[in-house]
Amino acid sequence: MTPRDNEQASWPLDQAVSRNLFPPMLGLAGIGLLAFAVWAFGLSNTPLGAEFLQCSAINDDHARLVCYDNLNSPRQPAKGALGPLPPHLP
């Protein structure tokens, strides 16, 4: 047993639990901060509301669906990211 082990063994239970919970809580806070930054700076590659409004203004059903399909077209993945797998053809 090291002197540090003896020191930790003498801690009250609530202090020991709080020291064990600090790293996971810090990690969750970091993940939350990262998610907020992605949301706030618009780093996700999704169509904007104005683009949806343009499609919704089209009266012809077929043309409106084509507009929505164009908004949802596959995009090139980020550099270094894994792209979607090609469909399996029998």
Protein backbone atom coordinates (compact mmCIF):
# COMPACT_ATOMS: atom_id res chain seq x y z
CA MET A 1 0.00 0.00 0.00
CA THR A 2 1.31 3.43 -0.93
CA PRO A 3 0.89 6.53 1.21
CA ARG A 4 -1.62 7.79 -1.37
CA ASP A 5 -3.76 4.67 -0.85
CA ASN A 6 -3.78 5.28 2.90
CA GLU A 7 -4.73 8.89 2.27
CA GLN A 8 -7.61 7.90 -0.03
CA ALA A 9 -8.82 5.30 2.44
CA SER A 10 -9.16 8.00 5.09
CA TRP A 11 -11.43 10.17 2.92
CA PRO A 12 -15.09 10.38 3.93
CA LEU A 13 -17.40 8.43 1.61
CA ASP A 14 -19.04 11.52 0.08
CA GLN A 15 -15.66 13.04 -0.80
CA ALA A 16 -14.51 9.77 -2.41
CA VAL A 17 -17.70 9.54 -4.48
CA SER A 18 -17.42 13.16 -5.62
CA ARG A 19 -13.81 12.58 -6.72
CA ASN A 20 -14.89 9.51 -8.73
CA LEU A 21 -17.75 11.38 -10.44
CA PHE A 22 -15.75 14.43 -11.48
CA PRO A 23 -14.10 13.00 -14.66
CA PRO A 24 -17.35 11.61 -16.15
CA MET A 25 -19.21 14.83 -15.36
CA LEU A 26 -16.42 16.85 -16.98
CA GLY A 27 -16.62 14.60 -20.04
CA LEU A 28 -20.38 15.05 -20.33
CA ALA A 29 -20.00 18.81 -20.03
CA GLY A 30 -17.41 18.71 -22.83
CA ILE A 31 -19.71 16.70 -25.08
CA GLY A 32 -22.53 19.14 -24.37
CA LEU A 33 -20.28 22.09 -25.21
CA LEU A 34 -19.23 20.45 -28.46
CA ALA A 35 -22.86 19.73 -29.42
CA PHE A 36 -23.79 23.32 -28.66
CA ALA A 37 -20.92 24.63 -30.81
CA VAL A 38 -21.98 22.46 -33.75
CA TRP A 39 -25.55 23.71 -33.40
CA ALA A 40 -24.61 27.37 -32.86
CA PHE A 41 -22.14 27.62 -35.73
CA GLY A 42 -24.27 25.56 -38.11
CA LEU A 43 -21.61 22.98 -38.83
CA SER A 44 -24.16 20.36 -39.78
CA ASN A 45 -24.76 20.13 -43.51
CA THR A 46 -28.56 20.31 -43.56
CA PRO A 47 -30.81 22.41 -45.79
CA LEU A 48 -31.89 25.77 -44.42
CA GLY A 49 -35.46 26.84 -43.70
CA ALA A 50 -35.44 29.22 -46.68
CA GLU A 51 -34.75 26.30 -49.01
CA PHE A 52 -37.70 24.40 -47.55
CA LEU A 53 -39.91 27.45 -48.00
CA GLN A 54 -38.97 27.66 -51.68
CA CYS A 55 -40.00 24.03 -52.17
CA SER A 56 -43.23 24.42 -50.23
CA ALA A 57 -44.26 27.36 -52.45
CA ILE A 58 -44.35 25.11 -55.54
CA ASN A 59 -47.95 24.16 -56.41
CA ASP A 60 -47.23 21.22 -58.72
CA ASP A 61 -46.95 18.08 -56.57
CA HIS A 62 -44.35 16.36 -58.74
CA ALA A 63 -42.16 19.45 -59.03
CA ARG A 64 -42.39 20.06 -55.26
CA LEU A 65 -41.28 16.51 -54.51
CA VAL A 66 -38.38 16.86 -56.97
CA CYS A 67 -37.37 20.06 -55.14
CA TYR A 68 -37.39 18.26 -51.77
CA ASP A 69 -35.45 15.35 -53.28
CA ASN A 70 -32.80 17.78 -54.55
CA LEU A 71 -32.43 19.18 -51.03
CA ASN A 72 -31.88 15.67 -49.71
CA SER A 73 -29.39 14.63 -52.39
CA PRO A 74 -26.32 12.76 -51.17
CA ARG A 75 -23.45 15.04 -50.26
CA GLN A 76 -19.74 14.39 -50.38
CA PRO A 77 -18.51 13.27 -46.94
CA ALA A 78 -15.93 15.37 -45.14
CA LYS A 79 -12.29 14.75 -46.01
CA GLY A 80 -11.11 11.68 -44.14
CA ALA A 81 -14.64 10.55 -43.24
CA LEU A 82 -16.03 7.22 -44.30
CA GLY A 83 -18.63 7.58 -47.03
CA PRO A 84 -21.83 5.58 -47.26
CA LEU A 85 -21.50 2.03 -48.48
CA PRO A 86 -22.67 1.38 -52.03
CA PRO A 87 -25.94 -0.53 -52.30
CA HIS A 88 -25.67 -4.31 -52.56
CA LEU A 89 -26.88 -5.47 -55.95
CA PRO A 90 -27.80 -9.17 -56.28
